[in-house]
Amino acid sequence: MAMRRETRRPWPDIFDWAEGLPGMLSWPGRESGNRSFRIEEFDEDGRYLIRAEIPGVDPTTDISVQVEQGVLTISAQREERRRERGHSEFVYGKFSRSVGLPAGADESQLKARYDNGILEVSVPVGQAPPQARTIPVETGPTGPNS
């Protein structure tokens, strides 16, 4: 008699469990069900790159990349197809992640490319970030005629 082998794990991996926390910890005003995704970020050849794992989406309709005041936000949505029978461990719904861009990033030159489930966003970064400086204080009368 052949034994049936259970393919599902009795306990999820710690990372799988932790991925569910953002949806479980909802604050007032926060959209429920909004999840995150894994990213990596690094500098390469004068560019700052952010790579995001977002498999199973149509990049032309399901992914949005926005930048505002030095913050890059990547949003995506994966729709669930309901089936009468079966089991799924895939995560569906809305996903988003925001990353602060480094000093000197040229937001007007952002580029995004999606290939094989990986979204890569890159932005050129100036050679040297702006340096702190001391502003001399002038003396004398102040006012509109000065």
C-alpha atoms as a PDB file:
ATOM      1  CA  MET A   1       0.000   0.000   0.000  1.00  0.00           C
ATOM      2  CA  ALA A   2       1.513   3.330  -1.054  1.00  0.00           C
ATOM      3  CA  MET A   3       1.674   6.087   1.538  1.00  0.00           C
ATOM      4  CA  ARG A   4       0.380   9.491   0.625  1.00  0.00           C
ATOM      5  CA  ARG A   5       2.952  12.193   1.191  1.00  0.00           C
ATOM      6  CA  GLU A   6       1.808  15.622   2.368  1.00  0.00           C
ATOM      7  CA  THR A   7       3.425  18.332   0.225  1.00  0.00           C
ATOM      8  CA  ARG A   8       2.410  21.288   2.385  1.00  0.00           C
ATOM      9  CA  ARG A   9       4.639  22.294   5.261  1.00  0.00           C
ATOM     10  CA  PRO A  10       3.014  22.184   8.690  1.00  0.00           C
ATOM     11  CA  TRP A  11       4.647  25.510   9.676  1.00  0.00           C
ATOM     12  CA  PRO A  12       5.487  28.334   7.268  1.00  0.00           C
ATOM     13  CA  ASP A  13       8.999  29.686   7.060  1.00  0.00           C
ATOM     14  CA  ILE A  14       9.667  32.644   9.335  1.00  0.00           C
ATOM     15  CA  PHE A  15       9.920  35.002   6.346  1.00  0.00           C
ATOM     16  CA  ASP A  16       6.592  33.791   4.970  1.00  0.00           C
ATOM     17  CA  TRP A  17       5.013  34.468   8.354  1.00  0.00           C
ATOM     18  CA  ALA A  18       6.608  37.910   8.639  1.00  0.00           C
ATOM     19  CA  GLU A  19       5.390  38.896   5.154  1.00  0.00           C
ATOM     20  CA  GLY A  20       1.831  38.657   6.478  1.00  0.00           C
ATOM     21  CA  LEU A  21       2.452  41.106   9.314  1.00  0.00           C
ATOM     22  CA  PRO A  22       1.883  44.332   7.341  1.00  0.00           C
ATOM     23  CA  GLY A  23      -1.614  43.176   6.447  1.00  0.00           C
ATOM     24  CA  MET A  24      -2.352  42.056  10.009  1.00  0.00           C
ATOM     25  CA  LEU A  25      -1.051  45.278  11.571  1.00  0.00           C
ATOM     26  CA  SER A  26      -3.348  47.861  10.083  1.00  0.00           C
ATOM     27  CA  TRP A  27      -3.396  51.378  11.418  1.00  0.00           C
ATOM     28  CA  PRO A  28      -6.337  53.776  11.005  1.00  0.00           C
ATOM     29  CA  GLY A  29      -6.308  55.295   7.531  1.00  0.00           C
ATOM     30  CA  ARG A  30      -4.058  52.612   6.137  1.00  0.00           C
ATOM     31  CA  GLU A  31      -5.448  50.615   3.260  1.00  0.00           C
ATOM     32  CA  SER A  32      -6.030  47.083   4.469  1.00  0.00           C
ATOM     33  CA  GLY A  33      -4.371  44.239   2.627  1.00  0.00           C
ATOM     34  CA  ASN A  34      -1.496  46.358   1.310  1.00  0.00           C
ATOM     35  CA  ARG A  35       1.623  44.199   1.349  1.00  0.00           C
ATOM     36  CA  SER A  36       5.287  44.644   0.593  1.00  0.00           C
ATOM     37  CA  PHE A  37       7.727  42.790  -1.630  1.00  0.00           C
ATOM     38  CA  ARG A  38      11.422  42.013  -1.511  1.00  0.00           C
ATOM     39  CA  ILE A  39      13.915  44.501  -2.918  1.00  0.00           C
ATOM     40  CA  GLU A  40      17.627  44.993  -3.252  1.00  0.00           C
ATOM     41  CA  GLU A  41      19.328  48.336  -3.740  1.00  0.00           C
ATOM     42  CA  PHE A  42      22.898  49.215  -4.667  1.00  0.00           C
ATOM     43  CA  ASP A  43      25.168  51.631  -6.553  1.00  0.00           C
ATOM     44  CA  GLU A  44      26.648  50.584  -9.879  1.00  0.00           C
ATOM     45  CA  ASP A  45      28.524  52.646 -12.482  1.00  0.00           C
ATOM     46  CA  GLY A  46      27.237  56.017 -11.255  1.00  0.00           C
ATOM     47  CA  ARG A  47      23.643  54.818 -10.982  1.00  0.00           C
ATOM     48  CA  TYR A  48      21.520  53.870  -7.988  1.00  0.00           C
ATOM     49  CA  LEU A  49      19.546  50.678  -8.694  1.00  0.00           C
ATOM     50  CA  ILE A  50      16.514  49.219  -6.955  1.00  0.00           C
ATOM     51  CA  ARG A  51      15.456  45.710  -7.967  1.00  0.00           C
ATOM     52  CA  ALA A  52      12.067  44.373  -6.847  1.00  0.00           C
ATOM     53  CA  GLU A  53      10.703  40.831  -6.991  1.00  0.00           C
ATOM     54  CA  ILE A  54       7.223  41.175  -8.506  1.00  0.00           C
ATOM     55  CA  PRO A  55       6.460  37.981 -10.431  1.00  0.00           C
ATOM     56  CA  GLY A  56       3.145  37.141 -12.037  1.00  0.00           C
ATOM     57  CA  VAL A  57       2.035  40.637 -13.030  1.00  0.00           C
ATOM     58  CA  ASP A  58       1.601  42.509 -16.297  1.00  0.00           C
ATOM     59  CA  PRO A  59       4.070  45.400 -16.049  1.00  0.00           C
ATOM     60  CA  THR A  60       2.049  47.612 -18.398  1.00  0.00           C
ATOM     61  CA  THR A  61      -1.144  47.485 -16.302  1.00  0.00           C
ATOM     62  CA  ASP A  62      -0.252  46.141 -12.836  1.00  0.00           C
ATOM     63  CA  ILE A  63       2.881  48.128 -11.883  1.00  0.00           C
ATOM     64  CA  SER A  64       3.227  51.829 -11.058  1.00  0.00           C
ATOM     65  CA  VAL A  65       6.521  53.645 -10.412  1.00  0.00           C
ATOM     66  CA  GLN A  66       6.339  57.162  -8.961  1.00  0.00           C
ATOM     67  CA  VAL A  67       8.849  59.599  -7.501  1.00  0.00           C
ATOM     68  CA  GLU A  68       8.124  62.605  -5.344  1.00  0.00           C
ATOM     69  CA  GLN A  69      10.487  64.733  -3.265  1.00  0.00           C
ATOM     70  CA  GLY A  70      13.282  62.159  -3.231  1.00  0.00           C
ATOM     71  CA  VAL A  71      11.076  59.145  -2.460  1.00  0.00           C
ATOM     72  CA  LEU A  72      10.547  56.384  -5.028  1.00  0.00           C
ATOM     73  CA  THR A  73       7.335  54.375  -4.636  1.00  0.00           C
ATOM     74  CA  ILE A  74       6.718  51.119  -6.480  1.00  0.00           C
ATOM     75  CA  SER A  75       3.171  49.765  -6.421  1.00  0.00           C
ATOM     76  CA  ALA A  76       1.797  46.571  -7.948  1.00  0.00           C
ATOM     77  CA  GLN A  77      -1.331  44.483  -7.896  1.00  0.00           C
ATOM     78  CA  ARG A  78      -1.762  40.759  -8.477  1.00  0.00           C
ATOM     79  CA  GLU A  79      -5.337  39.585  -8.997  1.00  0.00           C
ATOM     80  CA  GLU A  80      -6.420  36.192  -7.705  1.00  0.00           C
ATOM     81  CA  ARG A  81      -8.261  33.832  -9.998  1.00  0.00           C
ATOM     82  CA  ARG A  82     -10.767  31.854  -7.972  1.00  0.00           C
ATOM     83  CA  ARG A  83     -10.913  28.138  -8.583  1.00  0.00           C
ATOM     84  CA  GLU A  84     -13.456  25.673  -7.316  1.00  0.00           C
ATOM     85  CA  ARG A  85     -10.886  23.200  -6.014  1.00  0.00           C
ATOM     86  CA  GLY A  86      -7.237  23.467  -5.160  1.00  0.00           C
ATOM     87  CA  HIS A  87      -4.703  25.100  -2.870  1.00  0.00           C
ATOM     88  CA  SER A  88      -2.548  28.205  -3.319  1.00  0.00           C
ATOM     89  CA  GLU A  89       0.249  29.719  -1.249  1.00  0.00           C
ATOM     90  CA  PHE A  90       0.618  32.665  -3.628  1.00  0.00           C
ATOM     91  CA  VAL A  91       0.019  36.139  -2.224  1.00  0.00           C
ATOM     92  CA  TYR A  92      -2.512  38.313  -4.027  1.00  0.00           C
ATOM     93  CA  GLY A  93      -3.679  41.879  -3.648  1.00  0.00           C
ATOM     94  CA  LYS A  94      -1.982  45.262  -3.585  1.00  0.00           C
ATOM     95  CA  PHE A  95       1.736  45.636  -2.899  1.00  0.00           C
ATOM     96  CA  SER A  96       3.839  48.747  -2.409  1.00  0.00           C
ATOM     97  CA  ARG A  97       7.280  49.778  -1.284  1.00  0.00           C
ATOM     98  CA  SER A  98       8.849  53.223  -0.865  1.00  0.00           C
ATOM     99  CA  VAL A  99      12.583  53.917  -0.889  1.00  0.00           C
ATOM    100  CA  GLY A 100      14.400  57.183  -0.255  1.00  0.00           C
ATOM    101  CA  LEU A 101      16.717  58.111  -3.108  1.00  0.00           C
ATOM    102  CA  PRO A 102      20.303  59.078  -2.296  1.00  0.00           C
ATOM    103  CA  ALA A 103      21.500  62.678  -2.320  1.00  0.00           C
ATOM    104  CA  GLY A 104      22.389  63.777  -5.842  1.00  0.00           C
ATOM    105  CA  ALA A 105      19.871  61.474  -7.565  1.00  0.00           C
ATOM    106  CA  ASP A 106      18.565  63.000 -10.808  1.00  0.00           C
ATOM    107  CA  GLU A 107      14.845  62.189 -10.553  1.00  0.00           C
ATOM    108  CA  SER A 108      14.215  63.435 -14.103  1.00  0.00           C
ATOM    109  CA  GLN A 109      16.375  60.569 -15.440  1.00  0.00           C
ATOM    110  CA  LEU A 110      14.632  57.624 -13.686  1.00  0.00           C
ATOM    111  CA  LYS A 111      14.248  54.494 -15.819  1.00  0.00           C
ATOM    112  CA  ALA A 112      12.249  51.331 -15.084  1.00  0.00           C
ATOM    113  CA  ARG A 113      12.529  47.928 -16.788  1.00  0.00           C
ATOM    114  CA  TYR A 114      10.664  44.679 -16.054  1.00  0.00           C
ATOM    115  CA  ASP A 115      12.060  41.285 -17.069  1.00  0.00           C
ATOM    116  CA  ASN A 116      11.359  37.765 -15.791  1.00  0.00           C
ATOM    117  CA  GLY A 117       9.494  38.923 -12.683  1.00  0.00           C
ATOM    118  CA  ILE A 118      12.102  41.507 -11.635  1.00  0.00           C
ATOM    119  CA  LEU A 119      11.475  45.246 -11.847  1.00  0.00           C
ATOM    120  CA  GLU A 120      14.690  47.270 -12.044  1.00  0.00           C
ATOM    121  CA  VAL A 121      14.550  51.022 -11.459  1.00  0.00           C
ATOM    122  CA  SER A 122      17.701  53.075 -11.959  1.00  0.00           C
ATOM    123  CA  VAL A 123      18.607  56.707 -11.509  1.00  0.00           C
ATOM    124  CA  PRO A 124      21.906  58.499 -12.143  1.00  0.00           C
ATOM    125  CA  VAL A 125      23.576  59.930  -9.064  1.00  0.00           C
ATOM    126  CA  GLY A 126      25.842  62.992  -9.187  1.00  0.00           C
ATOM    127  CA  GLN A 127      29.530  62.493  -8.539  1.00  0.00           C
ATOM    128  CA  ALA A 128      29.510  64.210  -5.158  1.00  0.00           C
ATOM    129  CA  PRO A 129      26.515  64.740  -2.909  1.00  0.00           C
ATOM    130  CA  PRO A 130      25.855  68.333  -1.848  1.00  0.00           C
ATOM    131  CA  GLN A 131      28.208  69.344   0.950  1.00  0.00           C
ATOM    132  CA  ALA A 132      27.202  71.164   4.095  1.00  0.00           C
ATOM    133  CA  ARG A 133      28.394  74.740   4.130  1.00  0.00           C
ATOM    134  CA  THR A 134      28.409  77.709   6.471  1.00  0.00           C
ATOM    135  CA  ILE A 135      26.552  80.806   5.364  1.00  0.00           C
ATOM    136  CA  PRO A 136      28.301  84.054   6.380  1.00  0.00           C
ATOM    137  CA  VAL A 137      26.196  86.452   8.388  1.00  0.00           C
ATOM    138  CA  GLU A 138      26.265  89.985   7.081  1.00  0.00           C
ATOM    139  CA  THR A 139      25.954  93.004   9.350  1.00  0.00           C
ATOM    140  CA  GLY A 140      24.205  96.297   8.835  1.00  0.00           C
ATOM    141  CA  PRO A 141      20.666  97.581   8.512  1.00  0.00           C
ATOM    142  CA  THR A 142      17.893  95.194   7.521  1.00  0.00           C
ATOM    143  CA  GLY A 143      14.651  95.873   5.760  1.00  0.00           C
ATOM    144  CA  PRO A 144      13.165  96.160   2.308  1.00  0.00           C
ATOM    145  CA  ASN A 145      15.672  98.810   1.157  1.00  0.00           C
ATOM    146  CA  SER A 146      18.773  96.915   2.239  1.00  0.00           C
END
